[in-house]
N, C-alpha and C. Protein backbone atom coordinates (compact mmCIF):
# COMPACT_ATOMS: atom_id res chain seq x y z
N MET A 1 86.13 -139.17 21.18
CA MET A 1 85.94 -138.77 20.00
C MET A 1 84.45 -139.31 18.86
N ASN A 2 83.81 -138.62 18.64
CA ASN A 2 81.83 -138.79 18.44
C ASN A 2 82.25 -139.65 17.60
N ARG A 3 81.16 -140.17 16.40
CA ARG A 3 81.40 -141.03 15.82
C ARG A 3 81.95 -140.50 14.09
N TYR A 4 81.71 -139.11 14.09
CA TYR A 4 81.31 -137.97 12.94
C TYR A 4 83.45 -138.25 12.43
N LYS A 5 83.60 -137.63 13.28
CA LYS A 5 85.47 -137.78 13.91
C LYS A 5 85.96 -139.13 13.51
N THR A 6 85.30 -139.74 13.85
CA THR A 6 86.65 -141.70 14.05
C THR A 6 85.45 -141.65 12.38
N ALA A 7 85.12 -141.73 12.22
CA ALA A 7 84.28 -141.82 10.55
C ALA A 7 85.55 -141.32 9.48
N VAL A 8 85.60 -139.79 9.61
CA VAL A 8 86.59 -139.45 8.43
C VAL A 8 88.28 -139.54 9.10
N LEU A 9 88.47 -139.87 10.01
CA LEU A 9 89.67 -140.33 10.60
C LEU A 9 89.84 -141.68 9.53
N ALA A 10 89.06 -142.58 9.55
CA ALA A 10 88.79 -143.81 8.82
C ALA A 10 88.50 -143.52 7.94
N SER A 11 88.09 -142.45 7.22
CA SER A 11 88.21 -142.86 5.52
C SER A 11 89.43 -142.11 5.12
N VAL A 12 90.43 -141.30 5.85
CA VAL A 12 91.32 -140.81 5.51
C VAL A 12 92.33 -141.62 5.51
N LEU A 13 92.60 -142.14 6.68
CA LEU A 13 93.41 -143.47 6.59
C LEU A 13 93.19 -144.52 5.26
N LEU A 14 92.41 -144.69 4.65
CA LEU A 14 91.53 -146.05 4.39
C LEU A 14 92.75 -145.74 3.02
N ALA A 15 91.62 -143.84 2.90
CA ALA A 15 92.37 -143.22 1.49
C ALA A 15 93.65 -143.58 1.07
N TRP A 16 94.78 -143.46 1.95
CA TRP A 16 96.02 -143.26 2.24
C TRP A 16 96.60 -144.49 2.23
N ALA A 17 96.10 -145.52 2.72
CA ALA A 17 96.70 -146.80 2.60
C ALA A 17 96.81 -147.42 0.84
N LEU A 18 95.01 -146.84 0.72
CA LEU A 18 95.26 -147.33 -0.93
C LEU A 18 95.44 -146.39 -1.59
N SER A 19 96.35 -145.48 -1.26
CA SER A 19 97.12 -144.78 -1.84
C SER A 19 99.05 -145.24 -2.24
N LEU A 20 99.51 -145.97 -1.60
CA LEU A 20 100.00 -146.40 -1.36
C LEU A 20 100.38 -147.89 -2.71
N PRO A 21 101.52 -148.21 -3.52
CA PRO A 21 101.72 -148.89 -4.26
C PRO A 21 101.60 -149.95 -3.76
N LEU A 22 100.64 -151.00 -4.85
CA LEU A 22 100.25 -152.46 -4.30
C LEU A 22 102.01 -153.30 -3.36
N SER A 23 103.09 -153.07 -4.24
CA SER A 23 104.60 -153.60 -3.61
C SER A 23 104.80 -152.74 -2.53
N ALA A 24 104.77 -152.08 -1.96
CA ALA A 24 104.86 -151.07 -1.08
C ALA A 24 104.13 -152.02 0.38
N ALA A 25 102.48 -152.46 0.19
CA ALA A 25 102.08 -152.32 1.20
C ALA A 25 102.56 -153.68 1.18
N MET A 26 102.40 -154.78 0.38
CA MET A 26 103.15 -156.07 0.47
C MET A 26 103.97 -156.21 0.32
N SER A 27 105.20 -155.61 0.74
CA SER A 27 106.10 -155.66 1.22
C SER A 27 106.77 -156.38 2.56
N ASP A 28 107.56 -157.14 3.45
CA ASP A 28 107.80 -157.13 4.50
C ASP A 28 109.52 -156.26 4.31
N ARG A 29 109.66 -154.80 3.99
CA ARG A 29 110.28 -154.15 4.18
C ARG A 29 110.06 -153.09 5.17
N PRO A 30 111.20 -152.87 5.75
CA PRO A 30 111.25 -152.32 7.37
C PRO A 30 111.20 -151.18 6.92
N GLY A 31 110.30 -149.83 7.21
CA GLY A 31 110.73 -148.03 6.93
C GLY A 31 111.40 -147.82 7.42
N ASP A 32 112.51 -148.66 7.74
CA ASP A 32 113.33 -147.45 8.87
C ASP A 32 115.19 -148.60 8.22
N ILE A 33 115.36 -148.84 7.47
CA ILE A 33 116.56 -149.51 6.40
C ILE A 33 116.67 -148.74 5.50
N VAL A 34 117.39 -148.62 5.69
CA VAL A 34 118.49 -147.50 4.02
C VAL A 34 119.64 -148.89 3.43
N LEU A 35 119.26 -149.08 2.66
CA LEU A 35 120.17 -149.64 1.83
C LEU A 35 121.03 -148.80 1.33
N PRO A 36 122.67 -149.49 0.58
CA PRO A 36 123.32 -148.54 -0.19
C PRO A 36 122.86 -148.15 -1.23
N ARG A 37 122.93 -146.71 -1.47
CA ARG A 37 123.25 -146.62 -2.79
C ARG A 37 124.06 -145.65 -3.50
N PRO A 38 124.23 -145.54 -4.42
CA PRO A 38 125.36 -144.48 -5.05
C PRO A 38 125.95 -143.56 -4.28
N SER A 39 126.91 -142.94 -5.28
CA SER A 39 127.20 -142.16 -4.24
C SER A 39 128.52 -141.16 -5.15
N ALA A 40 128.99 -140.29 -5.52
CA ALA A 40 129.84 -140.04 -6.14
C ALA A 40 131.43 -139.92 -5.44
N ASP A 41 131.21 -140.49 -4.04
CA ASP A 41 132.56 -141.14 -3.20
C ASP A 41 132.54 -142.18 -3.33
N LEU A 42 132.39 -142.95 -4.19
CA LEU A 42 132.22 -144.15 -4.17
C LEU A 42 133.32 -144.61 -5.69
N ALA A 43 134.07 -144.77 -5.32
CA ALA A 43 135.14 -145.69 -6.65
C ALA A 43 134.49 -146.84 -7.47
N PRO A 44 134.47 -147.05 -8.42
CA PRO A 44 133.41 -148.50 -9.20
C PRO A 44 133.87 -149.36 -8.43
N GLN A 45 135.46 -149.73 -8.08
CA GLN A 45 135.84 -151.39 -7.18
C GLN A 45 134.75 -151.43 -6.15
N GLU A 46 133.98 -150.08 -5.69
CA GLU A 46 133.71 -150.44 -4.05
C GLU A 46 131.96 -150.02 -5.16
N VAL A 47 131.77 -149.91 -5.72
CA VAL A 47 130.50 -150.03 -6.44
C VAL A 47 130.52 -151.36 -6.94
N VAL A 48 131.42 -152.06 -7.65
CA VAL A 48 131.47 -153.65 -7.50
C VAL A 48 130.78 -154.61 -6.44
N ARG A 49 131.52 -153.86 -5.27
CA ARG A 49 131.92 -154.68 -4.20
C ARG A 49 130.64 -154.52 -3.19
N ILE A 50 130.13 -153.65 -3.06
CA ILE A 50 128.37 -153.45 -2.90
C ILE A 50 127.88 -154.13 -3.51
N VAL A 51 127.27 -154.25 -4.92
CA VAL A 51 126.33 -155.01 -5.22
C VAL A 51 126.57 -156.54 -5.31
N ILE A 52 128.00 -157.09 -5.29
CA ILE A 52 128.27 -158.32 -4.98
C ILE A 52 128.51 -158.94 -3.43
N ASP A 53 128.57 -158.12 -2.74
CA ASP A 53 128.37 -158.55 -1.26
C ASP A 53 126.83 -158.51 -0.81
N ALA A 54 126.07 -157.89 -1.33
CA ALA A 54 124.62 -156.99 -1.67
C ALA A 54 123.59 -159.05 -2.53
N LEU A 55 124.20 -159.21 -3.34
CA LEU A 55 123.74 -160.05 -3.51
C LEU A 55 123.78 -161.53 -3.09
N ALA A 56 124.65 -161.29 -2.14
CA ALA A 56 125.58 -162.84 -1.76
C ALA A 56 124.71 -162.56 -0.15
N ASN A 57 124.08 -161.82 0.60
CA ASN A 57 122.88 -161.88 1.43
C ASN A 57 121.58 -161.19 0.78
N ASN A 58 121.38 -161.23 -0.37
CA ASN A 58 119.65 -160.96 -1.03
C ASN A 58 118.98 -161.11 0.54
N ASP A 59 118.30 -162.00 1.07
CA ASP A 59 118.02 -161.35 1.73
C ASP A 59 117.42 -161.11 3.34
N GLU A 60 118.83 -160.21 3.10
CA GLU A 60 118.70 -159.61 4.34
C GLU A 60 119.60 -158.08 3.54
N PRO A 61 118.75 -156.83 4.51
CA PRO A 61 117.74 -157.51 5.80
C PRO A 61 116.22 -157.62 5.76
N TYR A 62 115.86 -157.31 4.74
CA TYR A 62 114.88 -158.35 4.17
C TYR A 62 114.84 -159.05 2.54
N ALA A 63 113.71 -160.04 2.49
CA ALA A 63 113.23 -160.12 0.71
C ALA A 63 114.27 -159.34 -0.10
N ASN A 64 115.05 -159.85 -0.83
CA ASN A 64 115.53 -159.08 -1.96
C ASN A 64 116.01 -157.72 -1.86
N ALA A 65 116.93 -157.55 -1.30
CA ALA A 65 117.32 -156.23 -0.47
C ALA A 65 118.48 -156.76 -1.45
N GLY A 66 119.29 -157.66 -1.38
CA GLY A 66 120.20 -157.23 -2.14
C GLY A 66 119.95 -156.74 -3.86
N ILE A 67 118.76 -157.53 -4.36
CA ILE A 67 118.67 -157.36 -5.93
C ILE A 67 118.62 -155.28 -5.68
N GLU A 68 117.84 -155.05 -4.93
CA GLU A 68 116.82 -154.54 -4.64
C GLU A 68 118.27 -153.19 -4.94
N THR A 69 119.40 -153.75 -3.82
CA THR A 69 120.41 -152.74 -3.47
C THR A 69 121.20 -152.57 -4.76
N THR A 70 121.51 -153.56 -5.97
CA THR A 70 122.00 -153.94 -6.87
C THR A 70 121.17 -153.36 -8.00
N PHE A 71 120.13 -153.33 -8.54
CA PHE A 71 119.06 -152.08 -8.77
C PHE A 71 119.63 -150.49 -9.22
N SER A 72 119.60 -150.50 -8.17
CA SER A 72 120.01 -149.21 -7.63
C SER A 72 121.25 -148.48 -7.96
N PHE A 73 121.82 -149.25 -7.82
CA PHE A 73 123.10 -149.16 -8.68
C PHE A 73 123.19 -148.82 -9.47
N ALA A 74 122.64 -150.08 -10.44
CA ALA A 74 122.19 -150.15 -12.34
C ALA A 74 122.22 -148.63 -12.75
N SER A 75 123.11 -148.49 -13.91
CA SER A 75 123.06 -146.42 -14.56
C SER A 75 121.44 -146.33 -15.38
N PRO A 76 121.00 -145.29 -15.47
CA PRO A 76 119.83 -144.87 -15.93
C PRO A 76 119.56 -145.62 -17.00
N ALA A 77 120.15 -145.75 -17.86
CA ALA A 77 120.30 -146.26 -19.15
C ALA A 77 120.29 -147.74 -19.27
N ASN A 78 120.37 -148.68 -18.07
CA ASN A 78 120.69 -150.14 -18.01
C ASN A 78 119.32 -150.00 -17.88
N LYS A 79 118.64 -148.84 -16.54
CA LYS A 79 117.48 -149.40 -15.72
C LYS A 79 115.94 -149.28 -17.24
N ILE A 80 116.23 -148.46 -17.89
CA ILE A 80 115.47 -148.85 -19.63
C ILE A 80 115.65 -149.89 -19.76
N ASN A 81 116.63 -150.57 -19.49
CA ASN A 81 116.63 -151.79 -20.60
C ASN A 81 116.19 -152.91 -19.30
N THR A 82 116.51 -153.02 -18.31
CA THR A 82 116.02 -154.49 -17.54
C THR A 82 114.99 -154.70 -16.18
N GLY A 83 114.42 -153.16 -16.45
CA GLY A 83 113.58 -152.62 -15.58
C GLY A 83 112.19 -153.17 -16.20
N PRO A 84 111.58 -152.89 -14.58
CA PRO A 84 111.41 -152.54 -13.84
C PRO A 84 111.64 -152.96 -12.68
N LEU A 85 111.64 -152.78 -11.27
CA LEU A 85 112.68 -153.49 -10.25
C LEU A 85 112.04 -155.26 -10.36
N GLU A 86 110.86 -155.67 -10.92
CA GLU A 86 110.64 -156.99 -10.78
C GLU A 86 111.06 -157.40 -12.00
N ARG A 87 110.85 -156.97 -12.71
CA ARG A 87 111.39 -157.67 -13.36
C ARG A 87 113.41 -158.25 -13.52
N PHE A 88 113.40 -156.74 -13.36
CA PHE A 88 115.07 -157.24 -12.96
C PHE A 88 115.25 -157.85 -11.70
N ALA A 89 114.35 -158.07 -10.93
CA ALA A 89 114.50 -159.44 -9.89
C ALA A 89 114.31 -160.49 -10.71
N LYS A 90 113.11 -160.47 -11.20
CA LYS A 90 112.99 -162.36 -12.16
C LYS A 90 114.52 -162.71 -13.28
N MET A 91 115.00 -161.40 -13.41
CA MET A 91 116.28 -161.57 -14.95
C MET A 91 117.15 -161.94 -13.71
N VAL A 92 117.76 -161.30 -12.70
CA VAL A 92 118.56 -161.58 -11.99
C VAL A 92 118.65 -163.37 -11.19
N LYS A 93 117.54 -163.40 -10.79
CA LYS A 93 117.18 -164.81 -10.15
C LYS A 93 117.64 -166.10 -10.92
N GLY A 94 117.06 -165.61 -12.62
CA GLY A 94 117.18 -166.70 -13.96
C GLY A 94 119.12 -166.50 -14.11
N PRO A 95 119.02 -167.48 -15.67
CA PRO A 95 120.23 -168.07 -16.79
C PRO A 95 120.50 -166.65 -17.27
N PRO A 96 121.73 -166.47 -17.39
CA PRO A 96 122.86 -166.56 -16.48
C PRO A 96 123.14 -166.20 -15.05
N TYR A 97 122.89 -165.58 -14.75
CA TYR A 97 122.84 -164.36 -13.00
C TYR A 97 122.42 -164.98 -12.21
N GLY A 98 121.66 -166.57 -12.01
CA GLY A 98 121.33 -166.81 -10.48
C GLY A 98 122.54 -167.43 -9.79
N ILE A 99 123.23 -167.37 -9.87
CA ILE A 99 124.57 -167.96 -9.42
C ILE A 99 125.06 -166.56 -8.71
N MET A 100 124.80 -165.38 -8.89
CA MET A 100 125.35 -164.19 -8.42
C MET A 100 123.93 -164.47 -7.03
N VAL A 101 123.42 -164.38 -7.40
CA VAL A 101 122.17 -164.77 -5.93
C VAL A 101 122.19 -165.46 -4.73
N ASP A 102 123.07 -164.70 -3.46
CA ASP A 102 122.73 -165.94 -2.13
C ASP A 102 124.47 -167.21 -2.54
N HIS A 103 125.51 -166.52 -3.20
CA HIS A 103 126.67 -167.13 -3.79
C HIS A 103 128.19 -166.77 -2.42
N VAL A 104 128.37 -168.19 -2.59
CA VAL A 104 128.74 -168.80 -0.76
C VAL A 104 130.38 -167.64 -0.69
N SER A 105 130.94 -167.46 -2.38
CA SER A 105 132.37 -166.43 -2.05
C SER A 105 132.50 -165.89 -3.60
N SER A 106 133.18 -164.72 -3.60
CA SER A 106 133.84 -163.54 -4.98
C SER A 106 135.15 -163.63 -4.78
N GLU A 107 135.76 -163.77 -6.39
CA GLU A 107 136.89 -163.03 -6.02
C GLU A 107 137.00 -161.94 -6.61
N PHE A 108 138.33 -161.08 -6.83
CA PHE A 108 137.61 -159.10 -7.88
C PHE A 108 139.25 -159.21 -8.58
N SER A 109 138.72 -158.91 -9.71
CA SER A 109 140.27 -158.46 -10.16
C SER A 109 140.15 -157.18 -9.82
N GLU A 110 141.27 -156.83 -10.58
CA GLU A 110 142.02 -155.30 -10.73
C GLU A 110 140.76 -154.67 -11.57
N VAL A 111 140.47 -153.70 -11.56
CA VAL A 111 139.88 -152.53 -12.02
C VAL A 111 140.53 -151.39 -13.35
N VAL A 112 139.82 -151.97 -14.31
CA VAL A 112 140.39 -151.10 -15.90
C VAL A 112 140.41 -150.15 -15.83
N LEU A 113 140.30 -148.45 -16.20
CA LEU A 113 139.64 -147.92 -15.89
C LEU A 113 139.79 -147.24 -17.80
N MET A 114 138.84 -146.63 -17.70
CA MET A 114 139.49 -146.27 -19.76
C MET A 114 138.45 -145.14 -19.64
N GLY A 115 138.20 -144.56 -19.08
CA GLY A 115 138.06 -142.77 -19.19
C GLY A 115 136.90 -142.78 -18.70
N ASN A 116 135.69 -142.67 -18.66
CA ASN A 116 135.00 -143.17 -17.65
C ASN A 116 133.37 -143.90 -18.42
N LYS A 117 135.20 -145.25 -18.11
CA LYS A 117 134.24 -146.91 -18.62
C LYS A 117 134.41 -147.25 -17.17
N ALA A 118 135.03 -147.77 -16.51
CA ALA A 118 135.66 -148.81 -15.44
C ALA A 118 134.75 -150.26 -15.81
N TYR A 119 136.17 -151.40 -16.11
CA TYR A 119 135.91 -152.52 -16.11
C TYR A 119 136.30 -153.38 -14.93
N GLN A 120 135.47 -154.56 -14.63
CA GLN A 120 135.87 -155.12 -13.29
C GLN A 120 135.81 -157.10 -13.77
N MET A 121 136.35 -158.19 -13.09
CA MET A 121 135.72 -159.48 -13.40
C MET A 121 135.75 -160.29 -12.12
N VAL A 122 134.41 -160.56 -11.88
CA VAL A 122 134.56 -161.11 -10.32
C VAL A 122 134.06 -163.14 -11.00
N LEU A 123 134.97 -163.41 -10.30
CA LEU A 123 134.71 -164.96 -9.38
C LEU A 123 134.26 -165.22 -8.54
N LEU A 124 132.53 -166.02 -8.80
CA LEU A 124 131.56 -166.09 -8.12
C LEU A 124 131.62 -167.72 -7.85
N THR A 125 131.40 -168.01 -6.68
CA THR A 125 131.38 -169.54 -6.57
C THR A 125 130.03 -169.96 -5.68
N ALA A 126 129.10 -170.68 -6.31
CA ALA A 126 127.45 -171.05 -5.67
C ALA A 126 127.72 -171.70 -4.13
N PRO A 127 126.71 -172.24 -3.80
CA PRO A 127 126.79 -172.98 -2.50
C PRO A 127 127.20 -174.64 -3.38
N ASP A 128 126.66 -175.04 -4.70
CA ASP A 128 126.70 -176.18 -4.89
C ASP A 128 128.42 -177.03 -4.84
N GLY A 129 129.21 -175.25 -4.64
CA GLY A 129 130.45 -175.52 -5.93
C GLY A 129 130.75 -175.14 -7.36
N ARG A 130 130.08 -174.48 -8.38
CA ARG A 130 129.61 -174.67 -9.25
C ARG A 130 130.91 -172.96 -8.98
N ALA A 131 130.77 -172.39 -9.93
CA ALA A 131 131.89 -171.16 -10.21
C ALA A 131 131.63 -170.80 -11.74
N GLU A 132 131.52 -169.36 -12.03
CA GLU A 132 131.64 -168.67 -12.74
C GLU A 132 132.00 -167.03 -12.89
N VAL A 133 132.42 -166.48 -13.75
CA VAL A 133 133.32 -165.25 -13.79
C VAL A 133 132.45 -164.19 -14.78
N PHE A 134 131.52 -163.44 -13.67
CA PHE A 134 131.11 -162.04 -14.28
C PHE A 134 132.14 -160.58 -14.48
N ALA A 135 131.79 -160.36 -15.91
CA ALA A 135 132.22 -159.37 -16.61
C ALA A 135 131.58 -157.58 -15.53
N PHE A 136 132.04 -156.67 -14.75
CA PHE A 136 131.09 -155.19 -15.02
C PHE A 136 131.52 -154.43 -15.94
N ARG A 137 130.91 -154.08 -16.57
CA ARG A 137 131.41 -152.61 -17.19
C ARG A 137 130.77 -151.80 -16.19
N LEU A 138 131.09 -150.25 -15.75
CA LEU A 138 130.60 -149.53 -14.43
C LEU A 138 130.50 -148.19 -15.68
N GLY A 139 129.77 -147.01 -15.78
CA GLY A 139 130.07 -145.70 -16.59
C GLY A 139 129.69 -144.51 -15.71
N LYS A 140 131.01 -143.83 -15.18
CA LYS A 140 130.77 -142.25 -14.49
C LYS A 140 129.57 -141.65 -15.22
N GLN A 141 128.85 -141.12 -14.73
CA GLN A 141 127.54 -140.61 -15.12
C GLN A 141 128.27 -139.39 -15.19
N LEU A 142 127.65 -138.59 -16.65
CA LEU A 142 128.35 -137.15 -16.98
C LEU A 142 127.19 -136.27 -16.59
N ASP A 143 125.87 -135.88 -16.22
CA ASP A 143 124.97 -135.12 -15.95
C ASP A 143 123.60 -135.69 -15.31
N GLY A 144 122.51 -135.27 -14.96
CA GLY A 144 121.56 -135.73 -14.32
C GLY A 144 121.27 -136.03 -12.98
N GLU A 145 120.82 -136.88 -11.90
CA GLU A 145 120.19 -136.74 -11.14
C GLU A 145 121.42 -137.44 -10.22
N PHE A 146 122.53 -138.40 -11.05
CA PHE A 146 123.75 -138.81 -10.25
C PHE A 146 124.80 -138.46 -10.60
N LYS A 147 125.03 -137.44 -11.27
CA LYS A 147 125.73 -136.92 -11.99
C LYS A 147 127.28 -136.72 -11.03
N GLY A 148 128.46 -137.71 -11.73
CA GLY A 148 129.99 -137.39 -10.97
C GLY A 148 130.10 -139.74 -10.31
N MET A 149 128.84 -140.43 -10.41
CA MET A 149 128.38 -141.07 -9.58
C MET A 149 128.78 -142.49 -10.87
N TRP A 150 129.47 -143.36 -10.17
CA TRP A 150 130.23 -144.83 -11.05
C TRP A 150 129.05 -146.07 -10.68
N MET A 151 128.06 -146.18 -12.32
CA MET A 151 127.44 -147.10 -11.72
C MET A 151 126.66 -148.36 -12.86
N THR A 152 126.00 -148.91 -12.77
CA THR A 152 126.57 -149.84 -13.51
C THR A 152 125.75 -150.47 -15.02
N ASP A 153 126.60 -150.55 -16.01
CA ASP A 153 126.35 -150.18 -17.45
C ASP A 153 125.54 -151.54 -17.95
N ALA A 154 126.37 -152.56 -17.62
CA ALA A 154 126.11 -153.81 -18.33
C ALA A 154 127.05 -154.87 -17.59
N VAL A 155 126.42 -156.31 -17.41
CA VAL A 155 127.24 -157.71 -16.45
C VAL A 155 126.90 -158.82 -17.34
N TRP A 156 127.94 -159.79 -17.62
CA TRP A 156 128.17 -161.19 -18.89
C TRP A 156 129.00 -161.69 -18.22
N PRO A 157 128.10 -163.17 -18.61
CA PRO A 157 129.40 -164.20 -18.01
C PRO A 157 130.23 -164.23 -18.61
N VAL A 158 131.56 -164.37 -18.30
CA VAL A 158 132.39 -164.33 -19.64
C VAL A 158 132.56 -165.15 -19.94
N ALA A 159 132.05 -166.44 -20.05
CA ALA A 159 131.54 -167.82 -20.35
C ALA A 159 131.37 -167.58 -22.15
N THR A 160 130.33 -167.29 -21.77
CA THR A 160 129.52 -166.47 -23.07
C THR A 160 129.96 -165.52 -23.93
N ALA A 161 130.14 -165.39 -25.16
CA ALA A 161 131.06 -164.83 -26.24
C ALA A 161 130.59 -163.53 -26.54
N ALA A 162 129.32 -163.43 -26.87
CA ALA A 162 128.26 -162.07 -26.73
C ALA A 162 127.82 -162.06 -25.73
N VAL A 163 127.91 -160.22 -25.40
CA VAL A 163 127.35 -159.59 -24.67
C VAL A 163 125.40 -159.90 -24.15
N PRO A 164 124.42 -160.71 -23.53
CA PRO A 164 123.83 -161.13 -23.75
C PRO A 164 122.41 -159.77 -23.89
N GLU A 165 121.30 -159.80 -24.83
CA GLU A 165 120.72 -158.52 -24.75
C GLU A 165 120.52 -157.40 -23.79
N GLN A 166 119.89 -158.57 -22.71
CA GLN A 166 120.04 -157.75 -21.40
C GLN A 166 120.40 -157.22 -20.59
N ALA A 167 121.79 -158.00 -20.52
CA ALA A 167 122.96 -157.50 -19.45
C ALA A 167 122.72 -156.59 -18.47
N PHE A 168 122.24 -156.60 -17.61
CA PHE A 168 122.45 -155.34 -16.39
C PHE A 168 123.97 -154.91 -15.72
């Protein structure tokens, strides 16, 4: 290949690399990994289980994959309040949600359905033995890209009398 073609190819590759989002360029996320995503085939309890299992193994198959999975199941309205992903990750790792990341056990209540809303409680135990109950509120999306899918509208610790302003 002559120098001109090599220079053009190098310029094209450099321009392409620079067009990638910085977070993608810095990520250790393998390109062929597909994380769980919302589906109209999933029941509310399956959505909660997917989220809880993902958070229990947050860094599998790559760093913060569990938090990314959790964010993908957040409803569009929820994402407006808690996103983007980087902000969401900081929130989930901090109080009161930090116990959710890399927890060692979970117990699930029965799901309560009320029309297009579903509620489920989850008892989580941290590696140090601390336990916390979280309430999940899911909504069945009525329109748009996620029509017919159950997605997380809010999560809050049950011991807290009020729902935190930024409950995810």
